[in-house]
Amino acid sequence: MFTRIIAGWFILMMGCLTVQAQDTPVDYPRAFDLGGTLEAIDKEELMVTISDMQISVSANTRVHTLREKNLYLGALRVGQHVGVHFSNPGGSKPTASDIWVLENPQQLIPPPPGMH
């Protein structure tokens, strides 16, 4: 009985992972440090707000869309679903190094524990 439950769970999880892989563009990361809805962009203060969290960005923060890579903050629009990777340059506060525009909020998968 226990073996059947484990086998069924495994098959179910593999199906979920397959759907997730199909929903995420091949050249996008499989997981992000943070994800949510872009609520505000402040280019002067170098801050964005994602799902009620203020995030530092820099002139070097790159934006990636389905059509283009390595764009700048001007490519972002309020209301977009995004995934973020952070860097910590020179020990300063975490800064968004890359922001990926997502077509679907279900593409957001938290990174496995200890992995970024």
C-alpha atoms as a PDB file:
ATOM      1  CA  MET A   1       0.000   0.000   0.000  1.00  0.00           C
ATOM      2  CA  PHE A   2       2.723   2.476   0.995  1.00  0.00           C
ATOM      3  CA  THR A   3       4.652   1.671  -2.196  1.00  0.00           C
ATOM      4  CA  ARG A   4       1.571   2.462  -4.309  1.00  0.00           C
ATOM      5  CA  ILE A   5       1.114   5.785  -2.546  1.00  0.00           C
ATOM      6  CA  ILE A   6       4.759   6.728  -3.121  1.00  0.00           C
ATOM      7  CA  ALA A   7       4.625   5.577  -6.766  1.00  0.00           C
ATOM      8  CA  GLY A   8       1.409   7.548  -7.356  1.00  0.00           C
ATOM      9  CA  TRP A   9       2.858  10.640  -5.704  1.00  0.00           C
ATOM     10  CA  PHE A  10       6.029  10.355  -7.817  1.00  0.00           C
ATOM     11  CA  ILE A  11       4.045  10.088 -11.061  1.00  0.00           C
ATOM     12  CA  LEU A  12       1.879  13.046 -10.036  1.00  0.00           C
ATOM     13  CA  MET A  13       4.932  15.170  -9.217  1.00  0.00           C
ATOM     14  CA  MET A  14       6.651  14.285 -12.496  1.00  0.00           C
ATOM     15  CA  GLY A  15       3.535  15.392 -14.353  1.00  0.00           C
ATOM     16  CA  CYS A  16       3.538  18.713 -12.498  1.00  0.00           C
ATOM     17  CA  LEU A  17       7.210  19.267 -13.246  1.00  0.00           C
ATOM     18  CA  THR A  18       6.663  18.514 -16.923  1.00  0.00           C
ATOM     19  CA  VAL A  19       3.846  21.072 -17.146  1.00  0.00           C
ATOM     20  CA  GLN A  20       6.019  23.595 -15.346  1.00  0.00           C
ATOM     21  CA  ALA A  21       8.883  22.995 -17.768  1.00  0.00           C
ATOM     22  CA  GLN A  22       6.538  23.571 -20.708  1.00  0.00           C
ATOM     23  CA  ASP A  23       5.249  26.822 -19.213  1.00  0.00           C
ATOM     24  CA  THR A  24       8.708  28.280 -18.594  1.00  0.00           C
ATOM     25  CA  PRO A  25      10.778  29.495 -21.569  1.00  0.00           C
ATOM     26  CA  VAL A  26      13.856  27.343 -22.143  1.00  0.00           C
ATOM     27  CA  ASP A  27      16.311  30.204 -21.626  1.00  0.00           C
ATOM     28  CA  TYR A  28      14.663  31.440 -18.395  1.00  0.00           C
ATOM     29  CA  PRO A  29      15.899  30.297 -14.981  1.00  0.00           C
ATOM     30  CA  ARG A  30      13.999  27.432 -13.374  1.00  0.00           C
ATOM     31  CA  ALA A  31      13.754  29.391 -10.094  1.00  0.00           C
ATOM     32  CA  PHE A  32      14.068  32.969  -8.857  1.00  0.00           C
ATOM     33  CA  ASP A  33      15.202  34.620  -5.629  1.00  0.00           C
ATOM     34  CA  LEU A  34      11.966  36.624  -5.579  1.00  0.00           C
ATOM     35  CA  GLY A  35       8.903  36.808  -7.741  1.00  0.00           C
ATOM     36  CA  GLY A  36       5.652  38.703  -7.890  1.00  0.00           C
ATOM     37  CA  THR A  37       3.785  41.531  -9.549  1.00  0.00           C
ATOM     38  CA  LEU A  38       5.620  44.739 -10.425  1.00  0.00           C
ATOM     39  CA  GLU A  39       3.771  47.544  -8.644  1.00  0.00           C
ATOM     40  CA  ALA A  40       6.065  50.577  -9.013  1.00  0.00           C
ATOM     41  CA  ILE A  41       9.243  51.676 -10.797  1.00  0.00           C
ATOM     42  CA  ASP A  42      11.318  54.586  -9.482  1.00  0.00           C
ATOM     43  CA  LYS A  43      14.202  55.148 -11.902  1.00  0.00           C
ATOM     44  CA  GLU A  44      15.511  58.176  -9.979  1.00  0.00           C
ATOM     45  CA  GLU A  45      15.747  56.338  -6.634  1.00  0.00           C
ATOM     46  CA  LEU A  46      16.723  53.065  -8.362  1.00  0.00           C
ATOM     47  CA  MET A  47      13.928  51.125  -6.661  1.00  0.00           C
ATOM     48  CA  VAL A  48      11.145  48.865  -7.839  1.00  0.00           C
ATOM     49  CA  THR A  49       8.242  47.545  -5.800  1.00  0.00           C
ATOM     50  CA  ILE A  50       7.332  43.908  -6.335  1.00  0.00           C
ATOM     51  CA  SER A  51       4.364  42.524  -4.408  1.00  0.00           C
ATOM     52  CA  ASP A  52       4.689  45.164  -1.653  1.00  0.00           C
ATOM     53  CA  MET A  53       8.487  44.765  -1.326  1.00  0.00           C
ATOM     54  CA  GLN A  54      10.870  47.581  -2.265  1.00  0.00           C
ATOM     55  CA  ILE A  55      13.838  46.220  -4.193  1.00  0.00           C
ATOM     56  CA  SER A  56      17.054  48.071  -5.042  1.00  0.00           C
ATOM     57  CA  VAL A  57      18.092  48.078  -8.679  1.00  0.00           C
ATOM     58  CA  SER A  58      21.133  49.586 -10.377  1.00  0.00           C
ATOM     59  CA  ALA A  59      22.105  50.960 -13.751  1.00  0.00           C
ATOM     60  CA  ASN A  60      23.492  47.464 -14.401  1.00  0.00           C
ATOM     61  CA  THR A  61      20.245  45.610 -13.651  1.00  0.00           C
ATOM     62  CA  ARG A  62      19.244  43.711 -16.775  1.00  0.00           C
ATOM     63  CA  VAL A  63      15.674  43.008 -17.853  1.00  0.00           C
ATOM     64  CA  HIS A  64      14.823  39.937 -19.916  1.00  0.00           C
ATOM     65  CA  THR A  65      11.589  39.391 -21.855  1.00  0.00           C
ATOM     66  CA  LEU A  66      10.444  36.534 -24.053  1.00  0.00           C
ATOM     67  CA  ARG A  67      11.587  38.463 -27.130  1.00  0.00           C
ATOM     68  CA  GLU A  68      14.715  40.274 -25.935  1.00  0.00           C
ATOM     69  CA  LYS A  69      17.481  39.843 -23.392  1.00  0.00           C
ATOM     70  CA  ASN A  70      19.724  42.342 -21.594  1.00  0.00           C
ATOM     71  CA  LEU A  71      17.334  45.290 -21.700  1.00  0.00           C
ATOM     72  CA  TYR A  72      17.239  48.115 -19.171  1.00  0.00           C
ATOM     73  CA  LEU A  73      14.647  49.204 -16.603  1.00  0.00           C
ATOM     74  CA  GLY A  74      12.721  51.122 -19.259  1.00  0.00           C
ATOM     75  CA  ALA A  75      11.474  47.769 -20.581  1.00  0.00           C
ATOM     76  CA  LEU A  76       9.494  47.144 -17.381  1.00  0.00           C
ATOM     77  CA  ARG A  77       5.800  47.983 -17.014  1.00  0.00           C
ATOM     78  CA  VAL A  78       3.722  48.158 -13.850  1.00  0.00           C
ATOM     79  CA  GLY A  79       1.462  45.112 -13.595  1.00  0.00           C
ATOM     80  CA  GLN A  80       3.923  42.660 -15.144  1.00  0.00           C
ATOM     81  CA  HIS A  81       4.703  39.394 -13.395  1.00  0.00           C
ATOM     82  CA  VAL A  82       8.451  39.198 -12.800  1.00  0.00           C
ATOM     83  CA  GLY A  83      11.120  36.936 -11.353  1.00  0.00           C
ATOM     84  CA  VAL A  84      14.273  38.440  -9.801  1.00  0.00           C
ATOM     85  CA  HIS A  85      17.834  37.331  -9.131  1.00  0.00           C
ATOM     86  CA  PHE A  86      19.904  39.321  -6.631  1.00  0.00           C
ATOM     87  CA  SER A  87      23.573  40.176  -6.335  1.00  0.00           C
ATOM     88  CA  ASN A  88      25.346  41.622  -3.323  1.00  0.00           C
ATOM     89  CA  PRO A  89      28.083  43.846  -4.819  1.00  0.00           C
ATOM     90  CA  GLY A  90      30.878  44.634  -2.401  1.00  0.00           C
ATOM     91  CA  GLY A  91      28.889  43.547   0.640  1.00  0.00           C
ATOM     92  CA  SER A  92      26.230  46.211   0.121  1.00  0.00           C
ATOM     93  CA  LYS A  93      22.506  45.546   0.394  1.00  0.00           C
ATOM     94  CA  PRO A  94      21.113  43.012  -2.082  1.00  0.00           C
ATOM     95  CA  THR A  95      20.431  44.539  -5.482  1.00  0.00           C
ATOM     96  CA  ALA A  96      18.422  43.049  -8.339  1.00  0.00           C
ATOM     97  CA  SER A  97      20.938  41.899 -10.937  1.00  0.00           C
ATOM     98  CA  ASP A  98      18.400  40.435 -13.380  1.00  0.00           C
ATOM     99  CA  ILE A  99      14.644  40.765 -13.760  1.00  0.00           C
ATOM    100  CA  TRP A 100      12.739  38.353 -15.997  1.00  0.00           C
ATOM    101  CA  VAL A 101       9.294  39.312 -17.286  1.00  0.00           C
ATOM    102  CA  LEU A 102       6.946  36.329 -16.979  1.00  0.00           C
ATOM    103  CA  GLU A 103       3.819  35.672 -18.987  1.00  0.00           C
ATOM    104  CA  ASN A 104       2.215  33.737 -16.153  1.00  0.00           C
ATOM    105  CA  PRO A 105       2.615  34.055 -12.363  1.00  0.00           C
ATOM    106  CA  GLN A 106       2.552  30.255 -12.136  1.00  0.00           C
ATOM    107  CA  GLN A 107       6.055  30.270 -13.645  1.00  0.00           C
ATOM    108  CA  LEU A 108       7.368  31.405 -10.262  1.00  0.00           C
ATOM    109  CA  ILE A 109       9.001  28.521  -8.439  1.00  0.00           C
ATOM    110  CA  PRO A 110      10.880  29.254  -5.225  1.00  0.00           C
ATOM    111  CA  PRO A 111      14.498  28.091  -5.324  1.00  0.00           C
ATOM    112  CA  PRO A 112      15.282  24.844  -3.507  1.00  0.00           C
ATOM    113  CA  PRO A 113      16.691  25.395   0.006  1.00  0.00           C
ATOM    114  CA  GLY A 114      20.328  26.471  -0.176  1.00  0.00           C
ATOM    115  CA  MET A 115      20.229  27.022  -3.960  1.00  0.00           C
ATOM    116  CA  HIS A 116      20.137  30.358  -5.813  1.00  0.00           C
END
